[in-house]
């Protein structure tokens, strides 16, 4: 049975991999597994060992704590995950596109987002 925490960690892995523009194969090679294993990590079907999570954090350029961001501190009791803090597909795509923009365009995009979505 897949645990909600494993699913959450997997979503965090996938989100960060997308932001960096890495394929599952590239991440797999960096941590010494097959791409199918990365697929299983990302869906939460398989748990990530501590050593593999350490390697992923290095490869994905994040602190280990990143993988648990958005998990409600009451998870052990309530079984809920704070989905407000986890990035959805649109946010991942937006951040990925934003990182590819020239510096001058980034300020314009921030202004547009602030104007259309509320105060920055």
PDB file of N, CA and C in Angstrom:
ATOM      1  N   UNK A   1       0.854  -1.189   0.000  1.00  0.00           N
ATOM      2  CA  UNK A   1       0.000   0.000   0.000  1.00  0.00           C
ATOM      3  C   UNK A   1       0.892   1.241   0.000  1.00  0.00           C
ATOM      4  N   UNK A   2       0.588   2.166  -0.880  1.00  0.00           N
ATOM      5  CA  UNK A   2       1.358   3.396  -0.995  1.00  0.00           C
ATOM      6  C   UNK A   2       0.938   4.364   0.103  1.00  0.00           C
ATOM      7  N   UNK A   3       1.925   4.914   0.788  1.00  0.00           N
ATOM      8  CA  UNK A   3       1.677   5.871   1.863  1.00  0.00           C
ATOM      9  C   UNK A   3       1.638   7.280   1.284  1.00  0.00           C
ATOM     10  N   UNK A   4       0.804   8.139   1.830  1.00  0.00           N
ATOM     11  CA  UNK A   4       0.669   9.510   1.336  1.00  0.00           C
ATOM     12  C   UNK A   4       1.985  10.283   1.392  1.00  0.00           C
ATOM     13  N   UNK A   5       2.826  10.009   2.368  1.00  0.00           N
ATOM     14  CA  UNK A   5       4.117  10.696   2.459  1.00  0.00           C
ATOM     15  C   UNK A   5       5.008  10.297   1.283  1.00  0.00           C
ATOM     16  N   UNK A   6       4.988   9.017   0.909  1.00  0.00           N
ATOM     17  CA  UNK A   6       5.781   8.563  -0.241  1.00  0.00           C
ATOM     18  C   UNK A   6       5.299   9.245  -1.520  1.00  0.00           C
ATOM     19  N   UNK A   7       3.989   9.394  -1.665  1.00  0.00           N
ATOM     20  CA  UNK A   7       3.433  10.086  -2.823  1.00  0.00           C
ATOM     21  C   UNK A   7       3.872  11.544  -2.837  1.00  0.00           C
ATOM     22  N   UNK A   8       3.837  12.179  -1.670  1.00  0.00           N
ATOM     23  CA  UNK A   8       4.226  13.590  -1.577  1.00  0.00           C
ATOM     24  C   UNK A   8       5.697  13.775  -1.932  1.00  0.00           C
ATOM     25  N   UNK A   9       6.559  12.946  -1.382  1.00  0.00           N
ATOM     26  CA  UNK A   9       7.993  13.024  -1.692  1.00  0.00           C
ATOM     27  C   UNK A   9       8.199  12.823  -3.193  1.00  0.00           C
ATOM     28  N   UNK A  10       7.489  11.882  -3.771  1.00  0.00           N
ATOM     29  CA  UNK A  10       7.580  11.638  -5.207  1.00  0.00           C
ATOM     30  C   UNK A  10       7.166  12.848  -6.035  1.00  0.00           C
ATOM     31  N   UNK A  11       6.108  13.520  -5.610  1.00  0.00           N
ATOM     32  CA  UNK A  11       5.661  14.720  -6.319  1.00  0.00           C
ATOM     33  C   UNK A  11       6.720  15.822  -6.228  1.00  0.00           C
ATOM     34  N   UNK A  12       7.345  15.921  -5.080  1.00  0.00           N
ATOM     35  CA  UNK A  12       8.403  16.925  -4.906  1.00  0.00           C
ATOM     36  C   UNK A  12       9.593  16.611  -5.815  1.00  0.00           C
ATOM     37  N   UNK A  13       9.932  15.338  -5.907  1.00  0.00           N
ATOM     38  CA  UNK A  13      11.039  14.924  -6.792  1.00  0.00           C
ATOM     39  C   UNK A  13      10.703  15.307  -8.229  1.00  0.00           C
ATOM     40  N   UNK A  14       9.511  14.930  -8.672  1.00  0.00           N
ATOM     41  CA  UNK A  14       9.103  15.207 -10.046  1.00  0.00           C
ATOM     42  C   UNK A  14       9.068  16.707 -10.330  1.00  0.00           C
ATOM     43  N   UNK A  15       8.519  17.480  -9.395  1.00  0.00           N
ATOM     44  CA  UNK A  15       8.425  18.925  -9.586  1.00  0.00           C
ATOM     45  C   UNK A  15       9.806  19.550  -9.751  1.00  0.00           C
ATOM     46  N   UNK A  16      10.724  19.179  -8.886  1.00  0.00           N
ATOM     47  CA  UNK A  16      12.064  19.773  -8.955  1.00  0.00           C
ATOM     48  C   UNK A  16      12.808  19.311 -10.207  1.00  0.00           C
ATOM     49  N   UNK A  17      12.627  18.059 -10.576  1.00  0.00           N
ATOM     50  CA  UNK A  17      13.263  17.535 -11.786  1.00  0.00           C
ATOM     51  C   UNK A  17      12.790  18.316 -12.996  1.00  0.00           C
ATOM     52  N   UNK A  18      11.482  18.610 -13.052  1.00  0.00           N
ATOM     53  CA  UNK A  18      10.922  19.376 -14.168  1.00  0.00           C
ATOM     54  C   UNK A  18      11.470  20.797 -14.185  1.00  0.00           C
ATOM     55  N   UNK A  19      11.554  21.413 -13.017  1.00  0.00           N
ATOM     56  CA  UNK A  19      12.077  22.780 -12.935  1.00  0.00           C
ATOM     57  C   UNK A  19      13.499  22.845 -13.491  1.00  0.00           C
ATOM     58  N   UNK A  20      14.302  21.835 -13.199  1.00  0.00           N
ATOM     59  CA  UNK A  20      15.684  21.813 -13.675  1.00  0.00           C
ATOM     60  C   UNK A  20      15.806  21.306 -15.107  1.00  0.00           C
ATOM     61  N   UNK A  21      14.711  20.803 -15.661  1.00  0.00           N
ATOM     62  CA  UNK A  21      14.729  20.311 -17.033  1.00  0.00           C
ATOM     63  C   UNK A  21      15.444  18.981 -17.194  1.00  0.00           C
ATOM     64  N   UNK A  22      15.460  18.183 -16.127  1.00  0.00           N
ATOM     65  CA  UNK A  22      16.097  16.869 -16.187  1.00  0.00           C
ATOM     66  C   UNK A  22      15.087  15.804 -16.604  1.00  0.00           C
ATOM     67  N   UNK A  23      15.549  14.817 -17.338  1.00  0.00           N
ATOM     68  CA  UNK A  23      14.703  13.671 -17.660  1.00  0.00           C
ATOM     69  C   UNK A  23      14.804  12.664 -16.521  1.00  0.00           C
ATOM     70  N   UNK A  24      13.884  11.717 -16.519  1.00  0.00           N
ATOM     71  CA  UNK A  24      13.967  10.638 -15.529  1.00  0.00           C
ATOM     72  C   UNK A  24      15.264   9.859 -15.723  1.00  0.00           C
ATOM     73  N   UNK A  25      15.673   9.674 -16.955  1.00  0.00           N
ATOM     74  CA  UNK A  25      16.908   8.938 -17.244  1.00  0.00           C
ATOM     75  C   UNK A  25      18.123   9.670 -16.682  1.00  0.00           C
ATOM     76  N   UNK A  26      18.173  10.989 -16.854  1.00  0.00           N
ATOM     77  CA  UNK A  26      19.304  11.770 -16.333  1.00  0.00           C
ATOM     78  C   UNK A  26      19.369  11.700 -14.811  1.00  0.00           C
ATOM     79  N   UNK A  27      18.219  11.817 -14.156  1.00  0.00           N
ATOM     80  CA  UNK A  27      18.201  11.713 -12.699  1.00  0.00           C
ATOM     81  C   UNK A  27      18.607  10.312 -12.273  1.00  0.00           C
ATOM     82  N   UNK A  28      18.090   9.319 -12.964  1.00  0.00           N
ATOM     83  CA  UNK A  28      18.413   7.928 -12.636  1.00  0.00           C
ATOM     84  C   UNK A  28      19.915   7.673 -12.722  1.00  0.00           C
ATOM     85  N   UNK A  29      20.530   8.138 -13.796  1.00  0.00           N
ATOM     86  CA  UNK A  29      21.972   7.939 -13.968  1.00  0.00           C
ATOM     87  C   UNK A  29      22.755   8.626 -12.856  1.00  0.00           C
ATOM     88  N   UNK A  30      22.305   9.806 -12.451  1.00  0.00           N
ATOM     89  CA  UNK A  30      22.998  10.560 -11.415  1.00  0.00           C
ATOM     90  C   UNK A  30      22.956   9.871 -10.048  1.00  0.00           C
ATOM     91  N   UNK A  31      21.885   9.116  -9.805  1.00  0.00           N
ATOM     92  CA  UNK A  31      21.760   8.473  -8.488  1.00  0.00           C
ATOM     93  C   UNK A  31      21.993   6.966  -8.533  1.00  0.00           C
ATOM     94  N   UNK A  32      22.302   6.445  -9.723  1.00  0.00           N
ATOM     95  CA  UNK A  32      22.665   5.035  -9.840  1.00  0.00           C
ATOM     96  C   UNK A  32      21.526   4.041  -9.870  1.00  0.00           C
ATOM     97  N   UNK A  33      20.403   4.431 -10.492  1.00  0.00           N
ATOM     98  CA  UNK A  33      19.276   3.512 -10.659  1.00  0.00           C
ATOM     99  C   UNK A  33      18.803   3.580 -12.111  1.00  0.00           C
ATOM    100  N   UNK A  34      17.861   2.737 -12.479  1.00  0.00           N
ATOM    101  CA  UNK A  34      17.239   2.762 -13.804  1.00  0.00           C
ATOM    102  C   UNK A  34      16.112   3.805 -13.799  1.00  0.00           C
ATOM    103  N   UNK A  35      15.765   4.309 -14.988  1.00  0.00           N
ATOM    104  CA  UNK A  35      14.728   5.335 -15.043  1.00  0.00           C
ATOM    105  C   UNK A  35      13.393   4.813 -14.523  1.00  0.00           C
ATOM    106  N   UNK A  36      13.152   3.501 -14.651  1.00  0.00           N
ATOM    107  CA  UNK A  36      11.898   2.931 -14.148  1.00  0.00           C
ATOM    108  C   UNK A  36      11.790   3.108 -12.631  1.00  0.00           C
ATOM    109  N   UNK A  37      12.945   3.054 -11.959  1.00  0.00           N
ATOM    110  CA  UNK A  37      12.946   3.239 -10.506  1.00  0.00           C
ATOM    111  C   UNK A  37      12.566   4.680 -10.167  1.00  0.00           C
ATOM    112  N   UNK A  38      13.069   5.626 -10.941  1.00  0.00           N
ATOM    113  CA  UNK A  38      12.695   7.024 -10.721  1.00  0.00           C
ATOM    114  C   UNK A  38      11.191   7.195 -10.923  1.00  0.00           C
ATOM    115  N   UNK A  39      10.632   6.523 -11.929  1.00  0.00           N
ATOM    116  CA  UNK A  39       9.178   6.562 -12.145  1.00  0.00           C
ATOM    117  C   UNK A  39       8.455   6.081 -10.891  1.00  0.00           C
ATOM    118  N   UNK A  40       8.924   5.006 -10.321  1.00  0.00           N
ATOM    119  CA  UNK A  40       8.278   4.451  -9.129  1.00  0.00           C
ATOM    120  C   UNK A  40       8.426   5.379  -7.931  1.00  0.00           C
ATOM    121  N   UNK A  41       9.599   6.035  -7.802  1.00  0.00           N
ATOM    122  CA  UNK A  41       9.781   7.023  -6.734  1.00  0.00           C
ATOM    123  C   UNK A  41       8.789   8.170  -6.905  1.00  0.00           C
ATOM    124  N   UNK A  42       8.649   8.650  -8.133  1.00  0.00           N
ATOM    125  CA  UNK A  42       7.809   9.812  -8.387  1.00  0.00           C
ATOM    126  C   UNK A  42       6.328   9.536  -8.171  1.00  0.00           C
ATOM    127  N   UNK A  43       5.897   8.331  -8.364  1.00  0.00           N
ATOM    128  CA  UNK A  43       4.484   7.990  -8.116  1.00  0.00           C
ATOM    129  C   UNK A  43       4.240   7.583  -6.673  1.00  0.00           C
ATOM    130  N   UNK A  44       5.325   7.359  -5.935  1.00  0.00           N
ATOM    131  CA  UNK A  44       5.182   6.907  -4.562  1.00  0.00           C
ATOM    132  C   UNK A  44       5.017   5.407  -4.460  1.00  0.00           C
ATOM    133  N   UNK A  45       5.117   4.698  -5.588  1.00  0.00           N
ATOM    134  CA  UNK A  45       4.980   3.242  -5.575  1.00  0.00           C
ATOM    135  C   UNK A  45       6.125   2.596  -4.796  1.00  0.00           C
ATOM    136  N   UNK A  46       7.312   3.185  -4.882  1.00  0.00           N
ATOM    137  CA  UNK A  46       8.471   2.715  -4.118  1.00  0.00           C
ATOM    138  C   UNK A  46       8.979   3.837  -3.227  1.00  0.00           C
ATOM    139  N   UNK A  47       9.384   3.478  -2.031  1.00  0.00           N
ATOM    140  CA  UNK A  47       9.967   4.452  -1.118  1.00  0.00           C
ATOM    141  C   UNK A  47      11.411   4.717  -1.503  1.00  0.00           C
ATOM    142  N   UNK A  48      11.841   5.944  -1.257  1.00  0.00           N
ATOM    143  CA  UNK A  48      13.213   6.333  -1.553  1.00  0.00           C
ATOM    144  C   UNK A  48      14.052   6.108  -0.303  1.00  0.00           C
ATOM    145  N   UNK A  49      15.163   5.376  -0.456  1.00  0.00           N
ATOM    146  CA  UNK A  49      16.044   5.150   0.687  1.00  0.00           C
ATOM    147  C   UNK A  49      16.744   6.450   1.063  1.00  0.00           C
ATOM    148  N   UNK A  50      17.259   6.518   2.264  1.00  0.00           N
ATOM    149  CA  UNK A  50      17.947   7.716   2.735  1.00  0.00           C
ATOM    150  C   UNK A  50      19.131   8.065   1.846  1.00  0.00           C
ATOM    151  N   UNK A  51      19.901   7.070   1.439  1.00  0.00           N
ATOM    152  CA  UNK A  51      21.072   7.350   0.607  1.00  0.00           C
ATOM    153  C   UNK A  51      20.672   7.865  -0.771  1.00  0.00           C
ATOM    154  N   UNK A  52      19.611   7.323  -1.353  1.00  0.00           N
ATOM    155  CA  UNK A  52      19.152   7.795  -2.660  1.00  0.00           C
ATOM    156  C   UNK A  52      18.549   9.194  -2.536  1.00  0.00           C
ATOM    157  N   UNK A  53      17.856   9.455  -1.437  1.00  0.00           N
ATOM    158  CA  UNK A  53      17.286  10.780  -1.230  1.00  0.00           C
ATOM    159  C   UNK A  53      18.406  11.815  -1.078  1.00  0.00           C
ATOM    160  N   UNK A  54      19.476  11.430  -0.416  1.00  0.00           N
ATOM    161  CA  UNK A  54      20.639  12.304  -0.276  1.00  0.00           C
ATOM    162  C   UNK A  54      21.220  12.630  -1.650  1.00  0.00           C
ATOM    163  N   UNK A  55      21.391  11.602  -2.486  1.00  0.00           N
ATOM    164  CA  UNK A  55      21.916  11.811  -3.837  1.00  0.00           C
ATOM    165  C   UNK A  55      20.967  12.664  -4.683  1.00  0.00           C
ATOM    166  N   UNK A  56      19.662  12.449  -4.503  1.00  0.00           N
ATOM    167  CA  UNK A  56      18.692  13.246  -5.247  1.00  0.00           C
ATOM    168  C   UNK A  56      18.756  14.706  -4.835  1.00  0.00           C
ATOM    169  N   UNK A  57      18.886  14.940  -3.544  1.00  0.00           N
ATOM    170  CA  UNK A  57      18.974  16.323  -3.070  1.00  0.00           C
ATOM    171  C   UNK A  57      20.180  17.024  -3.692  1.00  0.00           C
ATOM    172  N   UNK A  58      21.300  16.325  -3.755  1.00  0.00           N
ATOM    173  CA  UNK A  58      22.490  16.910  -4.387  1.00  0.00           C
ATOM    174  C   UNK A  58      22.246  17.168  -5.872  1.00  0.00           C
ATOM    175  N   UNK A  59      21.708  16.186  -6.560  1.00  0.00           N
ATOM    176  CA  UNK A  59      21.477  16.295  -7.996  1.00  0.00           C
ATOM    177  C   UNK A  59      20.447  17.367  -8.318  1.00  0.00           C
ATOM    178  N   UNK A  60      19.398  17.446  -7.518  1.00  0.00           N
ATOM    179  CA  UNK A  60      18.320  18.401  -7.752  1.00  0.00           C
ATOM    180  C   UNK A  60      18.589  19.763  -7.109  1.00  0.00           C
ATOM    181  N   UNK A  61      19.741  19.885  -6.445  1.00  0.00           N
ATOM    182  CA  UNK A  61      20.196  21.150  -5.868  1.00  0.00           C
ATOM    183  C   UNK A  61      19.215  21.718  -4.839  1.00  0.00           C
ATOM    184  N   UNK A  62      18.787  20.836  -3.932  1.00  0.00           N
ATOM    185  CA  UNK A  62      17.891  21.249  -2.850  1.00  0.00           C
ATOM    186  C   UNK A  62      18.385  20.663  -1.534  1.00  0.00           C
ATOM    187  N   UNK A  63      17.904  21.221  -0.444  1.00  0.00           N
ATOM    188  CA  UNK A  63      18.143  20.648   0.874  1.00  0.00           C
ATOM    189  C   UNK A  63      17.226  19.436   1.027  1.00  0.00           C
ATOM    190  N   UNK A  64      17.631  18.506   1.852  1.00  0.00           N
ATOM    191  CA  UNK A  64      16.812  17.306   2.092  1.00  0.00           C
ATOM    192  C   UNK A  64      15.394  17.684   2.532  1.00  0.00           C
ATOM    193  N   UNK A  65      15.275  18.725   3.331  1.00  0.00           N
ATOM    194  CA  UNK A  65      13.966  19.142   3.851  1.00  0.00           C
ATOM    195  C   UNK A  65      12.989  19.505   2.750  1.00  0.00           C
ATOM    196  N   UNK A  66      13.489  19.855   1.565  1.00  0.00           N
ATOM    197  CA  UNK A  66      12.624  20.215   0.444  1.00  0.00           C
ATOM    198  C   UNK A  66      11.590  19.119   0.163  1.00  0.00           C
ATOM    199  N   UNK A  67      11.996  17.872   0.288  1.00  0.00           N
ATOM    200  CA  UNK A  67      11.119  16.768  -0.079  1.00  0.00           C
ATOM    201  C   UNK A  67       9.895  16.663   0.830  1.00  0.00           C
ATOM    202  N   UNK A  68       9.978  17.249   2.027  1.00  0.00           N
ATOM    203  CA  UNK A  68       8.859  17.189   2.963  1.00  0.00           C
ATOM    204  C   UNK A  68       8.095  18.499   3.047  1.00  0.00           C
ATOM    205  N   UNK A  69       8.502  19.513   2.278  1.00  0.00           N
ATOM    206  CA  UNK A  69       7.773  20.783   2.303  1.00  0.00           C
ATOM    207  C   UNK A  69       6.329  20.545   1.909  1.00  0.00           C
ATOM    208  N   UNK A  70       5.435  21.155   2.666  1.00  0.00           N
ATOM    209  CA  UNK A  70       4.017  21.034   2.355  1.00  0.00           C
ATOM    210  C   UNK A  70       3.313  19.921   3.096  1.00  0.00           C
ATOM    211  N   UNK A  71       4.067  19.109   3.839  1.00  0.00           N
ATOM    212  CA  UNK A  71       3.416  18.068   4.633  1.00  0.00           C
ATOM    213  C   UNK A  71       2.943  18.699   5.929  1.00  0.00           C
ATOM    214  N   UNK A  72       1.680  18.550   6.193  1.00  0.00           N
ATOM    215  CA  UNK A  72       1.087  19.088   7.400  1.00  0.00           C
ATOM    216  C   UNK A  72       1.782  18.486   8.619  1.00  0.00           C
ATOM    217  N   UNK A  73       2.145  19.326   9.577  1.00  0.00           N
ATOM    218  CA  UNK A  73       2.848  18.848  10.778  1.00  0.00           C
ATOM    219  C   UNK A  73       1.992  17.891  11.586  1.00  0.00           C
ATOM    220  N   UNK A  74       0.699  17.893  11.345  1.00  0.00           N
ATOM    221  CA  UNK A  74      -0.197  16.967  12.047  1.00  0.00           C
ATOM    222  C   UNK A  74      -0.398  15.675  11.274  1.00  0.00           C
ATOM    223  N   UNK A  75       0.403  15.457  10.216  1.00  0.00           N
ATOM    224  CA  UNK A  75       0.197  14.308   9.332  1.00  0.00           C
ATOM    225  C   UNK A  75       0.063  12.999  10.089  1.00  0.00           C
ATOM    226  N   UNK A  76       0.921  12.782  11.063  1.00  0.00           N
ATOM    227  CA  UNK A  76       0.917  11.512  11.793  1.00  0.00           C
ATOM    228  C   UNK A  76      -0.443  11.252  12.439  1.00  0.00           C
ATOM    229  N   UNK A  77      -1.141  12.318  12.797  1.00  0.00           N
ATOM    230  CA  UNK A  77      -2.436  12.174  13.439  1.00  0.00           C
ATOM    231  C   UNK A  77      -3.567  12.236  12.420  1.00  0.00           C
ATOM    232  N   UNK A  78      -3.501  13.221  11.512  1.00  0.00           N
ATOM    233  CA  UNK A  78      -4.642  13.465  10.641  1.00  0.00           C
ATOM    234  C   UNK A  78      -4.573  12.752   9.296  1.00  0.00           C
ATOM    235  N   UNK A  79      -3.363  12.438   8.850  1.00  0.00           N
ATOM    236  CA  UNK A  79      -3.215  11.790   7.559  1.00  0.00           C
ATOM    237  C   UNK A  79      -3.429  12.728   6.383  1.00  0.00           C
ATOM    238  N   UNK A  80      -3.317  14.046   6.610  1.00  0.00           N
ATOM    239  CA  UNK A  80      -3.527  15.007   5.534  1.00  0.00           C
ATOM    240  C   UNK A  80      -2.217  15.667   5.130  1.00  0.00           C
ATOM    241  N   UNK A  81      -2.175  16.096   3.890  1.00  0.00           N
ATOM    242  CA  UNK A  81      -1.028  16.845   3.383  1.00  0.00           C
ATOM    243  C   UNK A  81      -1.530  18.205   2.945  1.00  0.00           C
ATOM    244  N   UNK A  82      -0.806  19.239   3.310  1.00  0.00           N
ATOM    245  CA  UNK A  82      -1.170  20.605   2.970  1.00  0.00           C
ATOM    246  C   UNK A  82      -0.901  20.843   1.494  1.00  0.00           C
ATOM    247  N   UNK A  83      -1.910  20.696   0.666  1.00  0.00           N
ATOM    248  CA  UNK A  83      -1.735  20.825  -0.778  1.00  0.00           C
ATOM    249  C   UNK A  83      -1.550  22.269  -1.208  1.00  0.00           C
ATOM    250  N   UNK A  84      -1.807  23.230  -0.339  1.00  0.00           N
ATOM    251  CA  UNK A  84      -1.627  24.629  -0.687  1.00  0.00           C
ATOM    252  C   UNK A  84      -0.154  24.957  -0.927  1.00  0.00           C
ATOM    253  N   UNK A  85       0.749  24.214  -0.310  1.00  0.00           N
ATOM    254  CA  UNK A  85       2.174  24.505  -0.438  1.00  0.00           C
ATOM    255  C   UNK A  85       2.837  23.702  -1.544  1.00  0.00           C
ATOM    256  N   UNK A  86       2.236  22.642  -2.018  1.00  0.00           N
ATOM    257  CA  UNK A  86       2.823  21.834  -3.092  1.00  0.00           C
ATOM    258  C   UNK A  86       2.506  22.483  -4.432  1.00  0.00           C
ATOM    259  N   UNK A  87       3.489  22.512  -5.334  1.00  0.00           N
ATOM    260  CA  UNK A  87       3.276  23.117  -6.639  1.00  0.00           C
ATOM    261  C   UNK A  87       2.429  22.205  -7.523  1.00  0.00           C
ATOM    262  N   UNK A  88       1.511  22.827  -8.272  1.00  0.00           N
ATOM    263  CA  UNK A  88       0.753  22.046  -9.238  1.00  0.00           C
ATOM    264  C   UNK A  88       1.452  22.121 -10.601  1.00  0.00           C
ATOM    265  N   UNK A  89       0.928  21.434 -11.579  1.00  0.00           N
ATOM    266  CA  UNK A  89       1.556  21.341 -12.908  1.00  0.00           C
ATOM    267  C   UNK A  89       1.754  22.719 -13.551  1.00  0.00           C
ATOM    268  N   UNK A  90       0.746  23.608 -13.445  1.00  0.00           N
ATOM    269  CA  UNK A  90       0.868  24.936 -14.033  1.00  0.00           C
ATOM    270  C   UNK A  90       1.995  25.735 -13.384  1.00  0.00           C
ATOM    271  N   UNK A  91       2.121  25.634 -12.074  1.00  0.00           N
ATOM    272  CA  UNK A  91       3.192  26.356 -11.381  1.00  0.00           C
ATOM    273  C   UNK A  91       4.564  25.826 -11.777  1.00  0.00           C
ATOM    274  N   UNK A  92       4.671  24.531 -11.935  1.00  0.00           N
ATOM    275  CA  UNK A  92       5.935  23.929 -12.366  1.00  0.00           C
ATOM    276  C   UNK A  92       6.289  24.418 -13.761  1.00  0.00           C
ATOM    277  N   UNK A  93       5.308  24.395 -14.672  1.00  0.00           N
ATOM    278  CA  UNK A  93       5.548  24.856 -16.038  1.00  0.00           C
ATOM    279  C   UNK A  93       5.921  26.334 -16.060  1.00  0.00           C
ATOM    280  N   UNK A  94       5.226  27.141 -15.255  1.00  0.00           N
ATOM    281  CA  UNK A  94       5.506  28.573 -15.212  1.00  0.00           C
ATOM    282  C   UNK A  94       6.919  28.841 -14.688  1.00  0.00           C
ATOM    283  N   UNK A  95       7.297  28.184 -13.627  1.00  0.00           N
ATOM    284  CA  UNK A  95       8.626  28.382 -13.069  1.00  0.00           C
ATOM    285  C   UNK A  95       9.707  27.918 -14.038  1.00  0.00           C
ATOM    286  N   UNK A  96       9.466  26.818 -14.682  1.00  0.00           N
ATOM    287  CA  UNK A  96      10.420  26.301 -15.656  1.00  0.00           C
ATOM    288  C   UNK A  96      10.605  27.286 -16.807  1.00  0.00           C
ATOM    289  N   UNK A  97       9.503  27.840 -17.330  1.00  0.00           N
ATOM    290  CA  UNK A  97       9.577  28.827 -18.418  1.00  0.00           C
ATOM    291  C   UNK A  97      10.225  30.117 -17.927  1.00  0.00           C
ATOM    292  N   UNK A  98       9.896  30.533 -16.734  1.00  0.00           N
ATOM    293  CA  UNK A  98      10.452  31.755 -16.143  1.00  0.00           C
ATOM    294  C   UNK A  98      11.972  31.675 -16.041  1.00  0.00           C
ATOM    295  N   UNK A  99      12.476  30.535 -15.638  1.00  0.00           N
ATOM    296  CA  UNK A  99      13.925  30.374 -15.491  1.00  0.00           C
ATOM    297  C   UNK A  99      14.668  30.461 -16.825  1.00  0.00           C
ATOM    298  N   UNK A 100      13.982  30.204 -17.922  1.00  0.00           N
ATOM    299  CA  UNK A 100      14.608  30.282 -19.240  1.00  0.00           C
ATOM    300  C   UNK A 100      14.569  31.691 -19.834  1.00  0.00           C
ATOM    301  N   UNK A 101      13.811  32.593 -19.217  1.00  0.00           N
ATOM    302  CA  UNK A 101      13.664  33.951 -19.740  1.00  0.00           C
ATOM    303  C   UNK A 101      14.902  34.794 -19.456  1.00  0.00           C
ATOM    304  N   UNK A 102      15.164  35.771 -20.349  1.00  0.00           N
ATOM    305  CA  UNK A 102      16.235  36.728 -20.075  1.00  0.00           C
ATOM    306  C   UNK A 102      15.883  37.565 -18.847  1.00  0.00           C
ATOM    307  N   UNK A 103      16.903  38.061 -18.176  1.00  0.00           N
ATOM    308  CA  UNK A 103      16.704  38.771 -16.914  1.00  0.00           C
ATOM    309  C   UNK A 103      15.703  39.926 -17.020  1.00  0.00           C
ATOM    310  N   UNK A 104      15.818  40.734 -18.074  1.00  0.00           N
ATOM    311  CA  UNK A 104      14.914  41.873 -18.238  1.00  0.00           C
ATOM    312  C   UNK A 104      13.463  41.463 -18.352  1.00  0.00           C
ATOM    313  N   UNK A 105      13.210  40.359 -19.017  1.00  0.00           N
ATOM    314  CA  UNK A 105      11.833  39.891 -19.205  1.00  0.00           C
ATOM    315  C   UNK A 105      11.232  39.374 -17.903  1.00  0.00           C
ATOM    316  N   UNK A 106      12.069  38.901 -16.997  1.00  0.00           N
ATOM    317  CA  UNK A 106      11.553  38.353 -15.732  1.00  0.00           C
ATOM    318  C   UNK A 106      10.793  39.403 -14.934  1.00  0.00           C
ATOM    319  N   UNK A 107      11.321  40.638 -14.888  1.00  0.00           N
ATOM    320  CA  UNK A 107      10.638  41.708 -14.148  1.00  0.00           C
ATOM    321  C   UNK A 107       9.279  42.018 -14.771  1.00  0.00           C
ATOM    322  N   UNK A 108       9.228  42.022 -16.109  1.00  0.00           N
ATOM    323  CA  UNK A 108       7.960  42.260 -16.794  1.00  0.00           C
ATOM    324  C   UNK A 108       6.953  41.161 -16.468  1.00  0.00           C
ATOM    325  N   UNK A 109       7.415  39.917 -16.465  1.00  0.00           N
ATOM    326  CA  UNK A 109       6.516  38.793 -16.152  1.00  0.00           C
ATOM    327  C   UNK A 109       6.007  38.869 -14.719  1.00  0.00           C
ATOM    328  N   UNK A 110       6.862  39.279 -13.799  1.00  0.00           N
ATOM    329  CA  UNK A 110       6.438  39.434 -12.400  1.00  0.00           C
ATOM    330  C   UNK A 110       5.361  40.509 -12.306  1.00  0.00           C
ATOM    331  N   UNK A 111       5.543  41.608 -13.039  1.00  0.00           N
ATOM    332  CA  UNK A 111       4.552  42.686 -13.037  1.00  0.00           C
ATOM    333  C   UNK A 111       3.223  42.214 -13.603  1.00  0.00           C
ATOM    334  N   UNK A 112       3.282  41.458 -14.685  1.00  0.00           N
ATOM    335  CA  UNK A 112       2.066  40.933 -15.295  1.00  0.00           C
ATOM    336  C   UNK A 112       1.349  39.995 -14.324  1.00  0.00           C
ATOM    337  N   UNK A 113       2.109  39.090 -13.711  1.00  0.00           N
ATOM    338  CA  UNK A 113       1.502  38.143 -12.764  1.00  0.00           C
ATOM    339  C   UNK A 113       0.876  38.873 -11.589  1.00  0.00           C
ATOM    340  N   UNK A 114       1.558  39.894 -11.077  1.00  0.00           N
ATOM    341  CA  UNK A 114       1.029  40.656  -9.958  1.00  0.00           C
ATOM    342  C   UNK A 114      -0.248  41.388 -10.359  1.00  0.00           C
ATOM    343  N   UNK A 115      -0.265  41.931 -11.578  1.00  0.00           N
ATOM    344  CA  UNK A 115      -1.434  42.698 -12.037  1.00  0.00           C
ATOM    345  C   UNK A 115      -2.641  41.799 -12.288  1.00  0.00           C
ATOM    346  N   UNK A 116      -2.406  40.597 -12.770  1.00  0.00           N
ATOM    347  CA  UNK A 116      -3.526  39.714 -13.101  1.00  0.00           C
ATOM    348  C   UNK A 116      -3.955  38.829 -11.940  1.00  0.00           C
ATOM    349  N   UNK A 117      -3.043  38.599 -10.983  1.00  0.00           N
ATOM    350  CA  UNK A 117      -3.365  37.677  -9.913  1.00  0.00           C
ATOM    351  C   UNK A 117      -3.476  38.292  -8.543  1.00  0.00           C
ATOM    352  N   UNK A 118      -3.278  39.574  -8.421  1.00  0.00           N
ATOM    353  CA  UNK A 118      -3.337  40.214  -7.119  1.00  0.00           C
ATOM    354  C   UNK A 118      -2.004  40.833  -6.783  1.00  0.00           C
ATOM    355  N   UNK A 119      -1.891  41.295  -5.593  1.00  0.00           N
ATOM    356  CA  UNK A 119      -0.688  42.005  -5.131  1.00  0.00           C
ATOM    357  C   UNK A 119       0.490  41.055  -5.032  1.00  0.00           C
ATOM    358  N   UNK A 120       1.670  41.579  -5.363  1.00  0.00           N
ATOM    359  CA  UNK A 120       2.905  40.784  -5.294  1.00  0.00           C
ATOM    360  C   UNK A 120       3.468  40.790  -3.902  1.00  0.00           C
TER     361      UNK A 120
END
